Each structure stands twice: as C-alpha cells, then as structure tokens.
Protein backbone atom coordinates (compact mmCIF):
# COMPACT_ATOMS: atom_id res chain seq x y z
CA MET A 1 0.00 0.00 0.00
CA ASN A 2 1.43 3.39 -0.91
CA LEU A 3 1.82 6.27 1.55
CA PRO A 4 -1.25 8.34 0.51
CA MET A 5 -3.49 5.30 0.88
CA ARG A 6 -2.02 4.57 4.32
CA LEU A 7 -2.69 8.15 5.43
CA VAL A 8 -6.29 7.92 4.23
CA ALA A 9 -6.75 4.65 6.09
CA ILE A 10 -5.27 6.12 9.29
CA ALA A 11 -7.45 9.23 9.04
CA ALA A 12 -10.54 7.08 8.58
CA LEU A 13 -9.65 5.00 11.61
CA LEU A 14 -9.00 8.09 13.74
CA HIS A 15 -12.26 9.71 12.62
CA ILE A 16 -10.53 12.96 11.65
CA THR A 17 -12.55 15.50 9.69
CA PRO A 18 -11.37 19.00 8.79
CA ALA A 19 -12.50 22.00 10.77
CA VAL A 20 -14.66 24.67 9.16
CA VAL A 21 -15.18 28.27 10.23
CA LEU A 22 -18.87 28.96 10.78
CA VAL A 23 -18.36 32.55 12.00
CA LYS A 24 -15.07 34.39 11.60
CA ARG A 25 -13.59 35.58 14.88
CA PRO A 26 -13.67 39.30 13.95
CA ASP A 27 -17.35 38.94 13.01
CA ALA A 28 -18.06 37.20 16.31
CA VAL A 29 -16.31 39.99 18.23
CA GLN A 30 -18.38 42.65 16.47
CA ALA A 31 -21.63 40.73 16.95
CA LEU A 32 -21.04 40.02 20.64
CA LEU A 33 -19.57 43.43 21.51
CA PRO A 34 -21.96 45.73 19.61
CA GLY A 35 -21.09 49.39 19.49
CA ALA A 36 -17.51 48.94 20.63
CA ASP A 37 -14.94 51.06 18.85
CA ALA A 38 -11.88 49.74 20.67
CA TYR A 39 -10.95 46.17 21.52
CA PHE A 40 -8.42 44.79 23.96
CA ALA A 41 -7.27 41.32 24.89
CA ARG A 42 -6.93 40.61 28.61
CA GLU A 43 -4.94 37.49 29.43
CA VAL A 44 -5.31 35.85 32.80
CA HIS A 45 -2.48 33.45 33.62
CA LEU A 46 -3.85 30.85 35.99
CA SER A 47 -1.84 29.64 38.94
CA THR A 48 -1.77 25.88 39.51
CA PRO A 49 -4.43 26.09 42.27
CA ASP A 50 -6.66 28.31 40.09
CA ALA A 51 -6.31 25.95 37.10
CA HIS A 52 -7.19 23.03 39.37
CA ARG A 53 -10.24 24.90 40.74
CA LEU A 54 -11.47 25.64 37.21
CA HIS A 55 -10.86 22.05 36.10
CA LYS A 56 -12.73 20.71 39.12
CA ALA A 57 -15.69 23.05 38.45
CA VAL A 58 -16.16 22.39 34.72
CA ASP A 59 -13.76 19.58 33.78
CA TRP A 60 -11.68 21.92 31.65
CA SER A 61 -8.47 23.88 31.67
CA PRO A 62 -7.45 26.43 29.06
CA GLU A 63 -4.53 25.71 26.79
CA ASP A 64 -1.24 26.72 28.40
CA GLY A 65 -3.11 27.84 31.54
CA VAL A 66 -4.09 31.17 29.96
CA LEU A 67 -7.61 32.55 29.71
CA THR A 68 -8.02 35.26 27.07
CA PHE A 69 -10.94 37.67 27.33
CA TYR A 70 -11.62 40.18 24.58
CA VAL A 71 -12.92 43.46 25.95
CA GLY A 72 -14.88 46.03 23.97
CA ARG A 73 -15.11 49.72 24.84
CA THR A 74 -16.76 52.82 23.47
CA GLY A 75 -14.72 55.72 24.74
CA SER A 76 -14.24 54.97 28.43
CA ALA A 77 -17.43 52.90 28.72
CA ALA A 78 -17.22 49.11 28.74
CA VAL A 79 -19.40 47.39 26.16
CA GLY A 80 -18.64 43.91 27.45
CA ALA A 81 -16.23 41.01 27.18
CA LEU A 82 -16.13 37.72 25.35
CA GLU A 83 -14.25 34.49 25.41
CA PHE A 84 -13.66 31.80 22.80
CA VAL A 85 -13.87 28.32 24.33
CA ARG A 86 -12.84 25.07 22.68
CA VAL A 87 -14.77 21.88 23.38
CA ASP A 88 -13.15 18.64 22.27
CA THR A 89 -15.67 16.03 21.20
CA PRO A 90 -15.25 12.53 19.75
CA HIS A 91 -16.16 14.13 16.41
CA GLY A 92 -13.50 16.83 16.62
CA PRO A 93 -13.18 20.29 18.16
CA LEU A 94 -15.98 22.80 18.48
CA GLU A 95 -15.38 26.49 19.27
CA VAL A 96 -17.96 28.60 21.05
CA ALA A 97 -17.82 32.39 21.51
CA VAL A 98 -19.62 33.65 24.61
CA GLY A 99 -20.21 37.39 24.99
CA PHE A 100 -20.94 39.09 28.30
CA THR A 101 -22.61 42.41 29.09
CA PRO A 102 -20.93 44.91 31.44
CA GLN A 103 -23.34 43.62 34.11
CA GLY A 104 -21.89 40.11 33.74
CA THR A 105 -24.77 38.31 32.02
CA VAL A 106 -24.48 36.42 28.75
CA ARG A 107 -25.22 38.73 25.84
CA GLY A 108 -25.00 36.02 23.22
CA VAL A 109 -23.40 32.80 22.08
CA LEU A 110 -22.07 31.88 18.63
CA VAL A 111 -20.65 28.57 17.47
CA THR A 112 -17.64 29.74 15.47
CA ARG A 113 -15.93 26.47 14.46
CA ALA A 114 -16.88 22.86 14.00
CA THR A 115 -15.78 19.96 11.87
CA VAL A 116 -17.25 19.19 8.47
CA GLU A 117 -19.05 16.26 10.06
CA MET A 118 -20.60 18.37 12.84
CA LYS A 119 -21.54 21.40 10.75
CA PRO A 120 -25.04 20.16 9.80
CA TRP A 121 -25.75 19.21 13.42
CA VAL A 122 -24.63 22.64 14.63
CA LEU A 123 -26.73 24.41 12.02
CA GLU A 124 -29.77 22.32 12.95
CA ALA A 125 -29.30 23.05 16.68
CA VAL A 126 -28.84 26.77 16.07
CA GLY A 127 -31.85 26.74 13.74
CA ALA A 128 -33.90 25.20 16.56
CA GLY A 129 -33.06 28.25 18.70
CA LEU A 130 -30.20 26.81 20.74
CA THR A 131 -28.22 30.02 21.22
CA ASN A 132 -31.29 32.00 22.33
CA HIS A 133 -31.46 29.91 25.51
CA TYR A 134 -28.16 31.21 26.87
CA ARG A 135 -29.03 34.91 27.00
CA GLN A 136 -29.07 36.48 30.46
CA LEU A 137 -27.26 33.55 32.13
CA LYS A 138 -24.83 34.66 34.79
CA PRO A 139 -21.84 32.94 36.41
CA GLY A 140 -23.13 30.13 38.59
CA ASP A 141 -26.08 29.36 36.28
CA ALA A 142 -26.20 26.04 34.46
CA PRO A 143 -26.70 26.22 30.69
CA ASN A 144 -29.62 24.10 29.47
CA GLY A 145 -29.75 24.73 25.74
CA ALA A 146 -29.75 21.01 24.92
CA ALA A 147 -32.79 20.37 27.12
CA ALA A 148 -34.54 23.43 25.69
CA ILE A 149 -34.32 22.17 22.09
CA ALA A 150 -35.09 18.52 22.92
CA GLY A 151 -37.77 17.30 20.55
CA GLN A 152 -37.23 20.27 18.20
CA ALA A 153 -34.11 18.88 16.55
CA GLY A 154 -32.59 15.51 15.69
CA ASP A 155 -30.54 13.40 18.08
CA LEU A 156 -27.19 14.58 16.72
CA ALA A 157 -28.22 18.25 16.94
CA GLU A 158 -29.26 17.64 20.54
CA TYR A 159 -25.91 15.96 21.19
CA ILE A 160 -24.06 18.98 19.78
CA ALA A 161 -26.25 21.28 21.88
CA GLY A 162 -24.96 19.43 24.95
CA GLU A 163 -21.40 20.10 23.81
CA VAL A 164 -22.23 23.80 23.31
CA ASP A 165 -23.69 23.75 26.86
CA LYS A 166 -20.24 22.59 28.05
CA GLY A 167 -18.55 25.50 26.26
CA VAL A 168 -20.98 28.01 27.76
CA ALA A 169 -20.51 26.49 31.24
CA ARG A 170 -16.74 26.82 30.85
CA ALA A 171 -17.01 30.45 29.76
CA LEU A 172 -19.36 31.24 32.67
CA ALA A 173 -16.96 29.64 35.15
CA ALA A 174 -13.93 31.40 33.67
CA TYR A 175 -15.66 34.78 33.51
CA GLY A 176 -17.14 34.53 36.99
CA GLY A 177 -13.99 33.24 38.62
CA PHE A 178 -11.25 35.08 36.81
CA TYR A 179 -12.46 38.02 34.72
CA ARG A 180 -14.85 39.69 37.12
CA GLY A 181 -12.47 39.11 39.98
CA SER A 182 -9.62 40.84 38.11
CA ALA A 183 -11.62 43.68 36.55
C-alpha cells in the first residue's frame, strides 16, 4: 500500500474530519460586543491552584493555563467582554464564543468552528433556537440549551447542543472566577 493510501486509512480510523469556520472571529467579536470602537485582549495566567479549581468546576483547563478575554469599549465605557472556548468532542473540536454584558450576564453565544461532520448538526441546533437559551445567564447558572431544544431537533443536533452547553458552562466559570475578579 502506498503512503497516501495509508494516510487515508489512518485518518478514517482516527475519525478525523477537517474544521470549518462557521463565523469568523472578527465577526463574532463585532456581533457580541456591539457598538464597541476599541478592543483589547486581557490574558489571565492561571496559577496551579486556580487551574485546578477551574478544572474541578467544569472539567476543563485552558490551553497553556491562559484565559483570554476580549474586551470592547466605546470611549471609556465598557461594552462587554467575550471568550472563545474550545470543546473537544469525539467528532473533533468545536469552538464557542460567549459574549458578556458589562453587568456580567451572557449577551449572546455563537458557534464559530466545528468539523465538516458536525456542521449540519450545529446548524440544525442553532436553527432550533439553541443560542437563544443562553441569553441572560450569569456565572453560577447552568446552561440548558440542549434540554430546551429537545424534541425540536434531531438526536445529533441535541448531542451537539450538549457540547455547546459545556462550552458556555466553561465560559461562565472562567468569567465569573477570573475576569470579574480581576476587573
């Protein structure tokens, strides 16, 4: 068997599908931080105890122990903040952007990346109103988008909604524990 055929066979066995951008990051920033005319990145480097606390709360730790929040401002007024969160699934990675108001509630959620395989499931879940169910959540709240669209979408869309719930829960925990505390 030649090398290209071996690579195809390995990829099929590992269930690897390419990632697709559903919403470009700059578009997500503008949508989730409306009216902002200046944007800043705020990195929070987690100590080992903080990383452990976050992992214990939501079974997740950010890559390299760094949380990055994108902050929007209009003049000196805060418009809000957002975070991009990666959720690794058996079908590949999913990226969720979660925007927060200056009051600390969820302004909106966008699924920005998925794999080719997951794209139709994501679109079906979003079409069933998934992202509407996250608005106004605050740190400490449990996302329930998957339960909210149960029966309105197929099984795989409901599965993906559960994965988006994980991303929103991670963003809520990170924002509540590390952004608001350092603001």
